[in-house]
Structures are given as C-alpha cells and as structure tokens.
Amino acid sequence: MKRSRVSSISKPTFVAITTSIVAILTSIAIASLVHAEETPSQCDDVQEVARLVMEARQLGAPLAEIYSDDVPEIMRVIVLSAWHERVYSTETGQAMAVSTFADAWKAQCIKEVGV
C-alpha cells in the first residue's frame, strides 16, 4: 500500500510553508499600501497563498499552525475556506485539490479586480 504524504510531513515543512505564506502576504500588504486597487500580479500572489494553504491542509497541518488573527483578512478567509475542503489520502487527489483550490482563488481575485 502506498504511504500517504500526510503521514510523512515534518515540522520543518510546516514552518517553511507558513514562512512562505507570511512572505507573500507581506508583499501583498505592501503593494496594497502603494496601490489603492489590486493588480493582476496580486492575484498571482493570492493564488500562491491559496496553493500553499491547501498544500498544508492536504499534508495534515493543524489549523492553529496556519490560522492567525495577526494576518490580513484575506489570509484568514483562504485558510478557513481550505479547512472546509476534504483531505485526500492519495498524492493525485491532494495535487488535484491544491490545484483546483488555488485556481478558484485566482479566478475570484481576477473577477474582483475586473481584469
């Protein structure tokens, strides 16, 4: 039987994912201060955050490790949205969930921006 990635994830991986999410959110926050409206490149950032969050979800990260009141509201919405999604036991299912989730968030961002 094939071993799931969920059971083999390490604490350093969770830290790396969380660090990546914070870095992207920081760039979004800084860009928002400079520009009053979101730009298409910010939608790429939203997609990347959604990808990382869902990847963490699929790998079994606890909600408490990803969710924080100290991050922008969009991050909290993405995280809570991910935790309402199913966790798959196969790598193929996990990859599909990550891709679908990230693409949906980018599409929503583009819709909001009006690009």
N, C-alpha and C. Protein backbone atom coordinates (compact mmCIF):
# COMPACT_ATOMS: atom_id res chain seq x y z
N MET A 1 0.83 -1.18 0.00
CA MET A 1 0.00 0.00 0.00
C MET A 1 0.88 1.24 0.00
N LYS A 2 0.51 2.19 -0.82
CA LYS A 2 1.29 3.42 -0.95
C LYS A 2 1.09 4.30 0.28
N ARG A 3 2.18 4.79 0.83
CA ARG A 3 2.12 5.64 2.01
C ARG A 3 1.73 7.05 1.63
N SER A 4 0.81 7.63 2.35
CA SER A 4 0.33 8.98 2.09
C SER A 4 1.37 10.00 2.52
N ARG A 5 1.43 11.14 1.79
CA ARG A 5 2.33 12.22 2.17
C ARG A 5 1.91 12.83 3.50
N VAL A 6 0.64 12.72 3.83
CA VAL A 6 0.14 13.33 5.06
C VAL A 6 0.88 12.78 6.27
N SER A 7 1.12 11.48 6.29
CA SER A 7 1.75 10.89 7.47
C SER A 7 3.26 11.11 7.51
N SER A 8 3.84 11.59 6.40
CA SER A 8 5.29 11.73 6.37
C SER A 8 5.77 13.19 6.43
N ILE A 9 4.86 14.12 6.64
CA ILE A 9 5.24 15.53 6.66
C ILE A 9 5.95 15.87 7.97
N SER A 10 6.95 16.72 7.87
CA SER A 10 7.73 17.07 9.05
C SER A 10 7.42 18.47 9.53
N LYS A 11 7.77 18.76 10.75
CA LYS A 11 7.59 20.08 11.34
C LYS A 11 8.32 21.16 10.54
N PRO A 12 9.55 20.92 10.08
CA PRO A 12 10.22 21.95 9.26
C PRO A 12 9.44 22.30 8.00
N THR A 13 8.74 21.34 7.41
CA THR A 13 7.95 21.61 6.22
C THR A 13 6.81 22.55 6.55
N PHE A 14 6.13 22.33 7.68
CA PHE A 14 5.06 23.23 8.11
C PHE A 14 5.61 24.65 8.32
N VAL A 15 6.78 24.75 8.93
CA VAL A 15 7.39 26.05 9.16
C VAL A 15 7.72 26.72 7.83
N ALA A 16 8.24 25.97 6.88
CA ALA A 16 8.58 26.53 5.57
C ALA A 16 7.34 27.02 4.84
N ILE A 17 6.27 26.26 4.90
CA ILE A 17 5.02 26.67 4.27
C ILE A 17 4.50 27.94 4.92
N THR A 18 4.47 27.97 6.23
CA THR A 18 3.98 29.13 6.96
C THR A 18 4.84 30.36 6.65
N THR A 19 6.14 30.20 6.61
CA THR A 19 7.05 31.30 6.29
C THR A 19 6.78 31.84 4.89
N SER A 20 6.55 30.94 3.93
CA SER A 20 6.25 31.35 2.57
C SER A 20 4.94 32.14 2.50
N ILE A 21 3.95 31.68 3.23
CA ILE A 21 2.66 32.36 3.26
C ILE A 21 2.82 33.77 3.82
N VAL A 22 3.53 33.90 4.91
CA VAL A 22 3.74 35.21 5.54
C VAL A 22 4.50 36.15 4.59
N ALA A 23 5.49 35.65 3.89
CA ALA A 23 6.26 36.47 2.95
C ALA A 23 5.38 36.99 1.81
N ILE A 24 4.55 36.13 1.28
CA ILE A 24 3.66 36.55 0.19
C ILE A 24 2.65 37.56 0.69
N LEU A 25 2.09 37.32 1.87
CA LEU A 25 1.11 38.25 2.42
C LEU A 25 1.73 39.60 2.72
N THR A 26 2.97 39.61 3.14
CA THR A 26 3.67 40.86 3.39
C THR A 26 3.80 41.65 2.08
N SER A 27 4.14 40.96 1.00
CA SER A 27 4.27 41.65 -0.28
C SER A 27 2.92 42.18 -0.75
N ILE A 28 1.85 41.43 -0.50
CA ILE A 28 0.51 41.91 -0.86
C ILE A 28 0.16 43.15 -0.05
N ALA A 29 0.44 43.11 1.24
CA ALA A 29 0.12 44.24 2.12
C ALA A 29 0.89 45.49 1.70
N ILE A 30 2.16 45.33 1.38
CA ILE A 30 2.98 46.47 0.96
C ILE A 30 2.46 47.02 -0.37
N ALA A 31 2.15 46.13 -1.30
CA ALA A 31 1.63 46.57 -2.59
C ALA A 31 0.29 47.28 -2.42
N SER A 32 -0.51 46.84 -1.49
CA SER A 32 -1.81 47.48 -1.24
C SER A 32 -1.64 48.89 -0.70
N LEU A 33 -0.58 49.11 0.05
CA LEU A 33 -0.32 50.45 0.56
C LEU A 33 0.09 51.39 -0.57
N VAL A 34 0.79 50.85 -1.55
CA VAL A 34 1.27 51.65 -2.67
C VAL A 34 0.15 51.90 -3.68
N HIS A 35 -0.65 50.88 -3.95
CA HIS A 35 -1.74 50.98 -4.93
C HIS A 35 -3.07 50.82 -4.20
N ALA A 36 -4.03 51.65 -4.55
CA ALA A 36 -5.34 51.59 -3.91
C ALA A 36 -6.12 50.34 -4.33
N GLU A 37 -5.86 49.83 -5.52
CA GLU A 37 -6.59 48.66 -6.01
C GLU A 37 -5.63 47.49 -6.21
N GLU A 38 -6.22 46.30 -6.24
CA GLU A 38 -5.42 45.11 -6.51
C GLU A 38 -4.99 45.12 -7.96
N THR A 39 -3.87 44.49 -8.23
CA THR A 39 -3.37 44.37 -9.59
C THR A 39 -3.37 42.91 -9.98
N PRO A 40 -3.26 42.61 -11.28
CA PRO A 40 -3.21 41.21 -11.69
C PRO A 40 -2.08 40.42 -11.02
N SER A 41 -0.93 41.06 -10.76
CA SER A 41 0.16 40.33 -10.09
C SER A 41 -0.22 39.97 -8.66
N GLN A 42 -1.05 40.79 -8.03
CA GLN A 42 -1.51 40.44 -6.69
C GLN A 42 -2.40 39.20 -6.73
N CYS A 43 -3.12 39.02 -7.84
CA CYS A 43 -3.93 37.82 -7.98
C CYS A 43 -3.04 36.58 -8.08
N ASP A 44 -1.85 36.75 -8.66
CA ASP A 44 -0.88 35.65 -8.66
C ASP A 44 -0.45 35.34 -7.23
N ASP A 45 -0.27 36.39 -6.43
CA ASP A 45 0.10 36.20 -5.02
C ASP A 45 -1.02 35.50 -4.25
N VAL A 46 -2.25 35.90 -4.51
CA VAL A 46 -3.40 35.25 -3.86
C VAL A 46 -3.43 33.78 -4.25
N GLN A 47 -3.21 33.48 -5.51
CA GLN A 47 -3.18 32.09 -5.97
C GLN A 47 -2.08 31.30 -5.26
N GLU A 48 -0.93 31.90 -5.11
CA GLU A 48 0.19 31.21 -4.44
C GLU A 48 -0.11 30.97 -2.97
N VAL A 49 -0.71 31.95 -2.30
CA VAL A 49 -1.09 31.75 -0.90
C VAL A 49 -2.10 30.62 -0.80
N ALA A 50 -3.10 30.63 -1.68
CA ALA A 50 -4.12 29.57 -1.67
C ALA A 50 -3.48 28.21 -1.92
N ARG A 51 -2.51 28.16 -2.84
CA ARG A 51 -1.82 26.90 -3.12
C ARG A 51 -1.09 26.39 -1.88
N LEU A 52 -0.35 27.29 -1.23
CA LEU A 52 0.41 26.89 -0.04
C LEU A 52 -0.50 26.48 1.12
N VAL A 53 -1.59 27.21 1.29
CA VAL A 53 -2.53 26.89 2.37
C VAL A 53 -3.15 25.53 2.12
N MET A 54 -3.62 25.28 0.89
CA MET A 54 -4.25 23.98 0.62
C MET A 54 -3.22 22.85 0.67
N GLU A 55 -2.01 23.14 0.28
CA GLU A 55 -0.96 22.12 0.40
C GLU A 55 -0.76 21.75 1.87
N ALA A 56 -0.71 22.76 2.72
CA ALA A 56 -0.58 22.49 4.16
C ALA A 56 -1.78 21.68 4.66
N ARG A 57 -2.97 22.05 4.20
CA ARG A 57 -4.19 21.33 4.59
C ARG A 57 -4.10 19.88 4.17
N GLN A 58 -3.70 19.64 2.93
CA GLN A 58 -3.62 18.27 2.41
C GLN A 58 -2.53 17.46 3.12
N LEU A 59 -1.52 18.14 3.64
CA LEU A 59 -0.42 17.45 4.32
C LEU A 59 -0.70 17.25 5.81
N GLY A 60 -1.86 17.72 6.26
CA GLY A 60 -2.26 17.46 7.64
C GLY A 60 -1.88 18.53 8.64
N ALA A 61 -1.57 19.72 8.18
CA ALA A 61 -1.21 20.80 9.11
C ALA A 61 -2.41 21.12 10.00
N PRO A 62 -2.16 21.33 11.28
CA PRO A 62 -3.25 21.75 12.16
C PRO A 62 -3.68 23.18 11.83
N LEU A 63 -4.95 23.45 11.94
CA LEU A 63 -5.48 24.79 11.66
C LEU A 63 -4.75 25.85 12.47
N ALA A 64 -4.45 25.56 13.72
CA ALA A 64 -3.80 26.53 14.61
C ALA A 64 -2.41 26.94 14.10
N GLU A 65 -1.76 26.10 13.31
CA GLU A 65 -0.44 26.45 12.78
C GLU A 65 -0.50 27.43 11.63
N ILE A 66 -1.63 27.48 10.95
CA ILE A 66 -1.76 28.32 9.77
C ILE A 66 -2.61 29.55 10.06
N TYR A 67 -3.66 29.40 10.85
CA TYR A 67 -4.59 30.50 11.11
C TYR A 67 -4.06 31.40 12.21
N SER A 68 -4.18 32.70 11.98
CA SER A 68 -3.75 33.67 12.97
C SER A 68 -4.55 34.95 12.80
N ASP A 69 -4.92 35.56 13.89
CA ASP A 69 -5.61 36.85 13.83
C ASP A 69 -4.66 37.96 13.41
N ASP A 70 -3.37 37.69 13.38
CA ASP A 70 -2.36 38.70 13.05
C ASP A 70 -2.12 38.86 11.55
N VAL A 71 -2.81 38.07 10.73
CA VAL A 71 -2.61 38.15 9.28
C VAL A 71 -3.79 38.87 8.63
N PRO A 72 -3.62 39.35 7.41
CA PRO A 72 -4.72 40.04 6.73
C PRO A 72 -5.97 39.17 6.62
N GLU A 73 -7.11 39.84 6.54
CA GLU A 73 -8.40 39.13 6.49
C GLU A 73 -8.46 38.13 5.34
N ILE A 74 -7.91 38.49 4.18
CA ILE A 74 -7.96 37.57 3.04
C ILE A 74 -7.28 36.25 3.37
N MET A 75 -6.20 36.30 4.12
CA MET A 75 -5.50 35.08 4.53
C MET A 75 -6.39 34.23 5.42
N ARG A 76 -7.06 34.87 6.37
CA ARG A 76 -7.94 34.11 7.27
C ARG A 76 -9.08 33.47 6.49
N VAL A 77 -9.61 34.19 5.50
CA VAL A 77 -10.69 33.65 4.68
C VAL A 77 -10.20 32.45 3.87
N ILE A 78 -9.03 32.57 3.27
CA ILE A 78 -8.46 31.47 2.49
C ILE A 78 -8.22 30.25 3.39
N VAL A 79 -7.65 30.47 4.55
CA VAL A 79 -7.36 29.36 5.47
C VAL A 79 -8.65 28.66 5.88
N LEU A 80 -9.63 29.42 6.33
CA LEU A 80 -10.88 28.80 6.77
C LEU A 80 -11.58 28.08 5.61
N SER A 81 -11.48 28.66 4.43
CA SER A 81 -12.05 28.01 3.25
C SER A 81 -11.36 26.67 2.99
N ALA A 82 -10.05 26.64 3.12
CA ALA A 82 -9.30 25.39 2.90
C ALA A 82 -9.69 24.32 3.91
N TRP A 83 -9.92 24.74 5.15
CA TRP A 83 -10.25 23.76 6.19
C TRP A 83 -11.68 23.23 6.06
N HIS A 84 -12.45 23.79 5.14
CA HIS A 84 -13.77 23.24 4.83
C HIS A 84 -13.70 22.23 3.68
N GLU A 85 -12.51 22.11 3.10
CA GLU A 85 -12.31 21.18 1.99
C GLU A 85 -11.85 19.82 2.49
N ARG A 86 -12.11 18.83 1.70
CA ARG A 86 -11.74 17.45 2.00
C ARG A 86 -10.22 17.26 1.93
N VAL A 87 -9.69 16.40 2.78
CA VAL A 87 -8.29 15.99 2.71
C VAL A 87 -8.25 14.64 2.01
N TYR A 88 -7.44 14.56 0.97
CA TYR A 88 -7.32 13.33 0.19
C TYR A 88 -6.16 12.49 0.67
N SER A 89 -6.28 11.19 0.52
CA SER A 89 -5.24 10.28 1.02
C SER A 89 -4.20 9.94 -0.04
N THR A 90 -4.49 10.22 -1.30
CA THR A 90 -3.52 9.92 -2.35
C THR A 90 -2.83 11.19 -2.83
N GLU A 91 -1.63 11.04 -3.33
CA GLU A 91 -0.90 12.19 -3.86
C GLU A 91 -1.63 12.82 -5.03
N THR A 92 -2.26 12.00 -5.87
CA THR A 92 -3.01 12.52 -7.00
C THR A 92 -4.19 13.35 -6.53
N GLY A 93 -4.93 12.86 -5.57
CA GLY A 93 -6.06 13.60 -5.02
C GLY A 93 -5.63 14.89 -4.36
N GLN A 94 -4.53 14.82 -3.62
CA GLN A 94 -4.01 16.02 -2.96
C GLN A 94 -3.59 17.08 -3.98
N ALA A 95 -2.89 16.64 -5.02
CA ALA A 95 -2.43 17.57 -6.06
C ALA A 95 -3.61 18.22 -6.76
N MET A 96 -4.64 17.44 -7.03
CA MET A 96 -5.83 17.97 -7.69
C MET A 96 -6.54 18.98 -6.78
N ALA A 97 -6.64 18.67 -5.49
CA ALA A 97 -7.28 19.59 -4.54
C ALA A 97 -6.52 20.90 -4.45
N VAL A 98 -5.20 20.82 -4.40
CA VAL A 98 -4.36 22.03 -4.31
C VAL A 98 -4.53 22.88 -5.56
N SER A 99 -4.45 22.27 -6.72
CA SER A 99 -4.56 22.99 -7.98
C SER A 99 -5.93 23.64 -8.14
N THR A 100 -6.97 22.88 -7.88
CA THR A 100 -8.34 23.39 -8.01
C THR A 100 -8.59 24.55 -7.07
N PHE A 101 -8.15 24.43 -5.83
CA PHE A 101 -8.35 25.46 -4.82
C PHE A 101 -7.61 26.74 -5.20
N ALA A 102 -6.36 26.61 -5.60
CA ALA A 102 -5.55 27.79 -5.97
C ALA A 102 -6.13 28.48 -7.20
N ASP A 103 -6.54 27.70 -8.19
CA ASP A 103 -7.12 28.29 -9.40
C ASP A 103 -8.43 29.01 -9.09
N ALA A 104 -9.23 28.45 -8.21
CA ALA A 104 -10.51 29.08 -7.84
C ALA A 104 -10.27 30.43 -7.17
N TRP A 105 -9.26 30.50 -6.29
CA TRP A 105 -8.97 31.77 -5.63
C TRP A 105 -8.42 32.80 -6.61
N LYS A 106 -7.60 32.37 -7.57
CA LYS A 106 -7.10 33.32 -8.57
C LYS A 106 -8.25 33.83 -9.43
N ALA A 107 -9.14 32.94 -9.82
CA ALA A 107 -10.29 33.34 -10.63
C ALA A 107 -11.16 34.36 -9.88
N GLN A 108 -11.37 34.11 -8.59
CA GLN A 108 -12.16 35.05 -7.79
C GLN A 108 -11.47 36.40 -7.69
N CYS A 109 -10.17 36.41 -7.52
CA CYS A 109 -9.41 37.66 -7.44
C CYS A 109 -9.53 38.43 -8.76
N ILE A 110 -9.35 37.74 -9.87
CA ILE A 110 -9.45 38.39 -11.18
C ILE A 110 -10.85 38.97 -11.37
N LYS A 111 -11.85 38.22 -10.96
CA LYS A 111 -13.23 38.71 -11.06
C LYS A 111 -13.41 40.00 -10.26
N GLU A 112 -12.83 40.03 -9.04
CA GLU A 112 -12.95 41.20 -8.19
C GLU A 112 -12.18 42.41 -8.75
N VAL A 113 -11.02 42.13 -9.33
CA VAL A 113 -10.18 43.20 -9.88
C VAL A 113 -10.78 43.73 -11.18
N GLY A 114 -11.45 42.86 -11.91
CA GLY A 114 -12.07 43.28 -13.16
C GLY A 114 -11.12 43.29 -14.33
N VAL A 115 -10.12 42.45 -14.27
CA VAL A 115 -9.12 42.37 -15.35
C VAL A 115 -9.69 41.59 -16.50
